[in-house]
Structure formats: C-alpha cells, structure tokens
PDB file of N, CA and C in Angstrom:
ATOM      1  N   MET A   1     -18.089 -19.550  16.044  1.00  0.00           N
ATOM      2  CA  MET A   1     -17.596 -18.719  14.945  1.00  0.00           C
ATOM      3  C   MET A   1     -16.876 -18.108  14.262  1.00  0.00           C
ATOM      4  N   PRO A   2     -16.991 -17.972  12.399  1.00  0.00           N
ATOM      5  CA  PRO A   2     -16.451 -18.263  11.351  1.00  0.00           C
ATOM      6  C   PRO A   2     -15.080 -16.895  10.874  1.00  0.00           C
ATOM      7  N   LYS A   3     -14.240 -17.893  10.456  1.00  0.00           N
ATOM      8  CA  LYS A   3     -13.289 -16.537  10.561  1.00  0.00           C
ATOM      9  C   LYS A   3     -13.532 -16.084   9.877  1.00  0.00           C
ATOM     10  N   MET A   4     -12.650 -14.527   9.652  1.00  0.00           N
ATOM     11  CA  MET A   4     -13.070 -13.538   9.174  1.00  0.00           C
ATOM     12  C   MET A   4     -12.053 -13.270   7.726  1.00  0.00           C
ATOM     13  N   LYS A   5     -12.852 -13.157   7.250  1.00  0.00           N
ATOM     14  CA  LYS A   5     -12.427 -13.080   5.329  1.00  0.00           C
ATOM     15  C   LYS A   5     -11.832 -11.735   5.166  1.00  0.00           C
ATOM     16  N   THR A   6     -10.825 -12.245   4.083  1.00  0.00           N
ATOM     17  CA  THR A   6     -10.009 -11.097   4.261  1.00  0.00           C
ATOM     18  C   THR A   6     -10.277 -10.725   3.003  1.00  0.00           C
ATOM     19  N   ARG A   7     -10.534  -8.784   2.554  1.00  0.00           N
ATOM     20  CA  ARG A   7     -10.469  -8.393   1.493  1.00  0.00           C
ATOM     21  C   ARG A   7      -9.785  -8.285   0.080  1.00  0.00           C
ATOM     22  N   LYS A   8      -9.118  -8.985  -0.463  1.00  0.00           N
ATOM     23  CA  LYS A   8      -8.691  -8.931  -1.477  1.00  0.00           C
ATOM     24  C   LYS A   8      -8.371  -7.946  -1.989  1.00  0.00           C
ATOM     25  N   ALA A   9      -8.311  -7.116  -1.899  1.00  0.00           N
ATOM     26  CA  ALA A   9      -8.248  -5.085  -3.043  1.00  0.00           C
ATOM     27  C   ALA A   9      -7.680  -4.980  -1.619  1.00  0.00           C
ATOM     28  N   ALA A  10      -7.736  -5.056  -0.941  1.00  0.00           N
ATOM     29  CA  ALA A  10      -6.957  -4.234   0.410  1.00  0.00           C
ATOM     30  C   ALA A  10      -5.648  -5.053   0.563  1.00  0.00           C
ATOM     31  N   ALA A  11      -5.513  -6.763   0.711  1.00  0.00           N
ATOM     32  CA  ALA A  11      -4.287  -7.828   0.354  1.00  0.00           C
ATOM     33  C   ALA A  11      -3.317  -7.323  -0.149  1.00  0.00           C
ATOM     34  N   LYS A  12      -4.084  -6.975  -2.354  1.00  0.00           N
ATOM     35  CA  LYS A  12      -3.187  -6.777  -3.027  1.00  0.00           C
ATOM     36  C   LYS A  12      -2.504  -5.210  -3.227  1.00  0.00           C
ATOM     37  N   ARG A  13      -3.074  -4.731  -2.714  1.00  0.00           N
ATOM     38  CA  ARG A  13      -2.169  -2.830  -2.312  1.00  0.00           C
ATOM     39  C   ARG A  13      -1.449  -2.761  -1.011  1.00  0.00           C
ATOM     40  N   PHE A  14      -1.633  -3.329   0.053  1.00  0.00           N
ATOM     41  CA  PHE A  14      -0.968  -3.981   1.031  1.00  0.00           C
ATOM     42  C   PHE A  14      -0.495  -4.479   1.304  1.00  0.00           C
ATOM     43  N   LYS A  15       0.513  -4.382   2.210  1.00  0.00           N
ATOM     44  CA  LYS A  15       2.168  -4.919   3.006  1.00  0.00           C
ATOM     45  C   LYS A  15       2.341  -5.287   3.819  1.00  0.00           C
ATOM     46  N   ILE A  16       2.026  -5.750   5.378  1.00  0.00           N
ATOM     47  CA  ILE A  16       2.235  -5.594   6.469  1.00  0.00           C
ATOM     48  C   ILE A  16       3.597  -5.645   7.042  1.00  0.00           C
ATOM     49  N   THR A  17       4.395  -5.018   7.615  1.00  0.00           N
ATOM     50  CA  THR A  17       6.046  -5.040   8.062  1.00  0.00           C
ATOM     51  C   THR A  17       6.218  -5.846   8.616  1.00  0.00           C
ATOM     52  N   GLY A  18       7.455  -6.405   9.021  1.00  0.00           N
ATOM     53  CA  GLY A  18       7.948  -6.981  10.182  1.00  0.00           C
ATOM     54  C   GLY A  18       7.392  -6.574  11.416  1.00  0.00           C
ATOM     55  N   THR A  19       7.659  -4.995  11.808  1.00  0.00           N
ATOM     56  CA  THR A  19       7.425  -4.134  12.281  1.00  0.00           C
ATOM     57  C   THR A  19       6.191  -3.767  12.871  1.00  0.00           C
ATOM     58  N   GLY A  20       5.078  -4.573  12.474  1.00  0.00           N
ATOM     59  CA  GLY A  20       3.588  -4.192  12.491  1.00  0.00           C
ATOM     60  C   GLY A  20       3.302  -2.306  11.239  1.00  0.00           C
ATOM     61  N   ARG A  21       4.063  -1.544  10.439  1.00  0.00           N
ATOM     62  CA  ARG A  21       3.695  -0.450  10.085  1.00  0.00           C
ATOM     63  C   ARG A  21       2.709  -1.245   8.067  1.00  0.00           C
ATOM     64  N   VAL A  22       2.693  -0.372   7.597  1.00  0.00           N
ATOM     65  CA  VAL A  22       1.825  -0.759   6.664  1.00  0.00           C
ATOM     66  C   VAL A  22       2.471  -0.199   5.370  1.00  0.00           C
ATOM     67  N   ARG A  23       2.836  -0.866   4.209  1.00  0.00           N
ATOM     68  CA  ARG A  23       3.589  -0.533   2.972  1.00  0.00           C
ATOM     69  C   ARG A  23       2.770  -0.285   2.256  1.00  0.00           C
ATOM     70  N   ARG A  24       2.584   0.750   1.730  1.00  0.00           N
ATOM     71  CA  ARG A  24       2.014   0.750   0.158  1.00  0.00           C
ATOM     72  C   ARG A  24       3.172   1.002  -1.010  1.00  0.00           C
ATOM     73  N   SER A  25       2.322   0.732  -3.018  1.00  0.00           N
ATOM     74  CA  SER A  25       3.413   1.278  -3.528  1.00  0.00           C
ATOM     75  C   SER A  25       3.249   2.758  -3.635  1.00  0.00           C
ATOM     76  N   LYS A  26       3.608   3.193  -4.358  1.00  0.00           N
ATOM     77  CA  LYS A  26       3.220   4.912  -4.687  1.00  0.00           C
ATOM     78  C   LYS A  26       2.267   5.004  -5.941  1.00  0.00           C
ATOM     79  N   GLY A  27       1.196   5.647  -6.324  1.00  0.00           N
ATOM     80  CA  GLY A  27       0.964   6.235  -7.031  1.00  0.00           C
ATOM     81  C   GLY A  27       0.988   6.821  -8.557  1.00  0.00           C
ATOM     82  N   GLY A  28       0.058   6.891  -9.480  1.00  0.00           N
ATOM     83  CA  GLY A  28       0.834   7.727 -10.399  1.00  0.00           C
ATOM     84  C   GLY A  28       1.926   7.603 -11.435  1.00  0.00           C
ATOM     85  N   GLY A  29       2.134   5.890 -11.145  1.00  0.00           N
ATOM     86  CA  GLY A  29       3.457   5.871 -12.257  1.00  0.00           C
ATOM     87  C   GLY A  29       2.703   5.370 -13.765  1.00  0.00           C
ATOM     88  N   ASN A  30       1.423   4.815 -13.627  1.00  0.00           N
ATOM     89  CA  ASN A  30       1.749   3.866 -14.652  1.00  0.00           C
ATOM     90  C   ASN A  30       1.605   3.609 -16.263  1.00  0.00           C
ATOM     91  N   HIS A  31       0.465   5.196 -16.266  1.00  0.00           N
ATOM     92  CA  HIS A  31       0.798   5.982 -18.038  1.00  0.00           C
ATOM     93  C   HIS A  31       0.995   6.967 -18.042  1.00  0.00           C
ATOM     94  N   GLY A  32       1.331   7.418 -19.154  1.00  0.00           N
ATOM     95  CA  GLY A  32       1.243   8.892 -19.636  1.00  0.00           C
ATOM     96  C   GLY A  32       2.958   8.965 -19.338  1.00  0.00           C
ATOM     97  N   MET A  33       4.038   8.505 -19.226  1.00  0.00           N
ATOM     98  CA  MET A  33       4.610   8.752 -18.857  1.00  0.00           C
ATOM     99  C   MET A  33       6.635   9.640 -19.516  1.00  0.00           C
ATOM    100  N   GLN A  34       5.789  10.036 -20.684  1.00  0.00           N
ATOM    101  CA  GLN A  34       6.573  10.815 -21.331  1.00  0.00           C
ATOM    102  C   GLN A  34       6.096  11.949 -20.677  1.00  0.00           C
ATOM    103  N   GLU A  35       4.990  12.034 -20.301  1.00  0.00           N
ATOM    104  CA  GLU A  35       4.914  13.931 -20.139  1.00  0.00           C
ATOM    105  C   GLU A  35       5.567  14.146 -18.607  1.00  0.00           C
ATOM    106  N   LYS A  36       5.912  12.874 -17.565  1.00  0.00           N
ATOM    107  CA  LYS A  36       6.804  12.829 -16.011  1.00  0.00           C
ATOM    108  C   LYS A  36       7.507  13.696 -16.668  1.00  0.00           C
ATOM    109  N   GLY A  37       8.158  14.203 -15.522  1.00  0.00           N
ATOM    110  CA  GLY A  37       9.462  14.078 -15.145  1.00  0.00           C
ATOM    111  C   GLY A  37      10.267  12.591 -15.005  1.00  0.00           C
ATOM    112  N   ARG A  38      11.794  13.114 -15.120  1.00  0.00           N
ATOM    113  CA  ARG A  38      12.510  12.170 -14.764  1.00  0.00           C
ATOM    114  C   ARG A  38      12.585  11.831 -13.608  1.00  0.00           C
ATOM    115  N   LYS A  39      13.325  13.096 -12.509  1.00  0.00           N
ATOM    116  CA  LYS A  39      12.629  12.989 -10.982  1.00  0.00           C
ATOM    117  C   LYS A  39      11.753  13.237 -10.471  1.00  0.00           C
ATOM    118  N   ARG A  40      10.256  12.977 -11.684  1.00  0.00           N
ATOM    119  CA  ARG A  40       8.900  12.851 -10.316  1.00  0.00           C
ATOM    120  C   ARG A  40       9.333  11.395 -10.559  1.00  0.00           C
ATOM    121  N   LEU A  41       9.631  10.343 -11.969  1.00  0.00           N
ATOM    122  CA  LEU A  41       8.994   9.159 -12.133  1.00  0.00           C
ATOM    123  C   LEU A  41      10.114   8.489 -10.828  1.00  0.00           C
ATOM    124  N   ARG A  42      11.277   8.893 -11.331  1.00  0.00           N
ATOM    125  CA  ARG A  42      12.211   8.630  -9.722  1.00  0.00           C
ATOM    126  C   ARG A  42      11.515   8.445  -8.678  1.00  0.00           C
ATOM    127  N   ARG A  43      10.931   9.527  -8.015  1.00  0.00           N
ATOM    128  CA  ARG A  43      10.276   9.282  -7.021  1.00  0.00           C
ATOM    129  C   ARG A  43       9.126   8.375  -6.772  1.00  0.00           C
ATOM    130  N   LEU A  44       8.725   8.245  -7.845  1.00  0.00           N
ATOM    131  CA  LEU A  44       8.189   7.438  -7.343  1.00  0.00           C
ATOM    132  C   LEU A  44       7.956   5.749  -7.759  1.00  0.00           C
ATOM    133  N   ARG A  45       8.477   5.143  -7.749  1.00  0.00           N
ATOM    134  CA  ARG A  45       9.667   4.194  -8.153  1.00  0.00           C
ATOM    135  C   ARG A  45       9.308   3.321  -6.940  1.00  0.00           C
ATOM    136  N   GLY A  46      10.035   3.610  -5.492  1.00  0.00           N
ATOM    137  CA  GLY A  46      10.388   3.059  -4.313  1.00  0.00           C
ATOM    138  C   GLY A  46       8.807   2.743  -3.142  1.00  0.00           C
ATOM    139  N   ASN A  47       8.624   2.516  -2.315  1.00  0.00           N
ATOM    140  CA  ASN A  47       7.261   1.940  -1.716  1.00  0.00           C
ATOM    141  C   ASN A  47       7.152   3.159  -0.634  1.00  0.00           C
ATOM    142  N   ASP A  48       6.115   3.343   0.158  1.00  0.00           N
ATOM    143  CA  ASP A  48       6.117   4.190   0.601  1.00  0.00           C
ATOM    144  C   ASP A  48       5.111   3.601   2.353  1.00  0.00           C
ATOM    145  N   MET A  49       4.660   4.491   3.544  1.00  0.00           N
ATOM    146  CA  MET A  49       4.788   3.531   3.877  1.00  0.00           C
ATOM    147  C   MET A  49       3.491   4.496   4.351  1.00  0.00           C
ATOM    148  N   VAL A  50       2.146   3.872   5.071  1.00  0.00           N
ATOM    149  CA  VAL A  50       0.599   4.486   5.524  1.00  0.00           C
ATOM    150  C   VAL A  50       1.197   5.151   5.977  1.00  0.00           C
ATOM    151  N   HIS A  51      -0.329   5.811   6.745  1.00  0.00           N
ATOM    152  CA  HIS A  51      -0.066   7.551   7.543  1.00  0.00           C
ATOM    153  C   HIS A  51      -0.417   5.822   9.176  1.00  0.00           C
ATOM    154  N   LYS A  52       0.712   7.271  10.343  1.00  0.00           N
ATOM    155  CA  LYS A  52      -0.374   5.968  11.470  1.00  0.00           C
ATOM    156  C   LYS A  52      -1.530   6.049  11.732  1.00  0.00           C
ATOM    157  N   THR A  53      -2.614   7.340  11.392  1.00  0.00           N
ATOM    158  CA  THR A  53      -4.111   7.021  11.858  1.00  0.00           C
ATOM    159  C   THR A  53      -4.700   6.301  10.402  1.00  0.00           C
ATOM    160  N   MET A  54      -4.299   5.724   9.061  1.00  0.00           N
ATOM    161  CA  MET A  54      -4.977   4.453   8.369  1.00  0.00           C
ATOM    162  C   MET A  54      -4.575   3.311   8.594  1.00  0.00           C
ATOM    163  N   GLN A  55      -3.611   3.036   9.577  1.00  0.00           N
ATOM    164  CA  GLN A  55      -2.978   1.685   9.803  1.00  0.00           C
ATOM    165  C   GLN A  55      -3.767   0.983  10.123  1.00  0.00           C
ATOM    166  N   LYS A  56      -4.828   1.303  11.220  1.00  0.00           N
ATOM    167  CA  LYS A  56      -5.644   0.426  12.157  1.00  0.00           C
ATOM    168  C   LYS A  56      -6.423  -0.293  10.766  1.00  0.00           C
ATOM    169  N   HIS A  57      -7.031   0.855  11.017  1.00  0.00           N
ATOM    170  CA  HIS A  57      -8.120   0.588   9.469  1.00  0.00           C
ATOM    171  C   HIS A  57      -7.654  -0.545   8.792  1.00  0.00           C
ATOM    172  N   ILE A  58      -6.499  -0.033   7.781  1.00  0.00           N
ATOM    173  CA  ILE A  58      -6.385  -1.156   7.188  1.00  0.00           C
ATOM    174  C   ILE A  58      -5.747  -2.836   7.368  1.00  0.00           C
ATOM    175  N   LYS A  59      -5.509  -2.709   9.063  1.00  0.00           N
ATOM    176  CA  LYS A  59      -5.208  -4.123   8.920  1.00  0.00           C
ATOM    177  C   LYS A  59      -6.485  -4.528   9.758  1.00  0.00           C
ATOM    178  N   ARG A  60      -7.337  -4.019   9.242  1.00  0.00           N
ATOM    179  CA  ARG A  60      -9.053  -4.887  10.149  1.00  0.00           C
ATOM    180  C   ARG A  60      -9.213  -5.038   8.422  1.00  0.00           C
ATOM    181  N   LEU A  61      -8.458  -5.357   7.426  1.00  0.00           N
ATOM    182  CA  LEU A  61      -9.002  -5.664   5.805  1.00  0.00           C
ATOM    183  C   LEU A  61      -8.241  -7.012   6.114  1.00  0.00           C
ATOM    184  N   ILE A  62      -6.390  -7.001   6.698  1.00  0.00           N
ATOM    185  CA  ILE A  62      -5.920  -8.328   6.758  1.00  0.00           C
ATOM    186  C   ILE A  62      -5.773  -8.685   7.915  1.00  0.00           C
ATOM    187  N   PRO A  63      -7.105  -9.631   8.111  1.00  0.00           N
ATOM    188  CA  PRO A  63      -6.560 -10.534   9.499  1.00  0.00           C
ATOM    189  C   PRO A  63      -5.438 -11.311   9.745  1.00  0.00           C
ATOM    190  N   TYR A  64      -4.611 -11.806   8.812  1.00  0.00           N
ATOM    191  CA  TYR A  64      -3.796 -12.172   8.960  1.00  0.00           C
ATOM    192  C   TYR A  64      -2.730 -10.752   9.236  1.00  0.00           C
ATOM    193  N   GLY A  65      -2.628  -9.631   8.760  1.00  0.00           N
ATOM    194  CA  GLY A  65      -1.094  -8.767   8.804  1.00  0.00           C
ATOM    195  C   GLY A  65      -0.877  -8.786  10.699  1.00  0.00           C
TER     196      GLY A  65
END
C-alpha cells in the first residue's frame, strides 16, 4: 500500500495542536492596512481554531497530523 501524500497547500495553512484540534491564521491582514481600523487589525493578529465540522476534512489532507 503506498503512502498517502500530504496536500502541501493545507500543510502550510493549518497546524494540528497537541489535543488534536486544527489551528488556522485569520485572513484579511496582509494589505490595505491603512483603511482598516486598529481594533480590527488587533483582532486579526492571533490564531483561530477551525470549526469542529471542518476538522475531519482538514485532517484528511494532512495525514501526519
């Protein structure tokens, strides 16, 4: 049986935590910063968790996770 390949696009965007949840970065903080408020940019800074309904799909793309 051949090994399952990792989807590299998914591996770059998502990380699996120690408890098995999927972590992702928030979108919308790369350009056009001067139009966005400071409060909005502060909210975009941290990481976010993927919703539990999507975790199974993402874990399938990252077999080692």
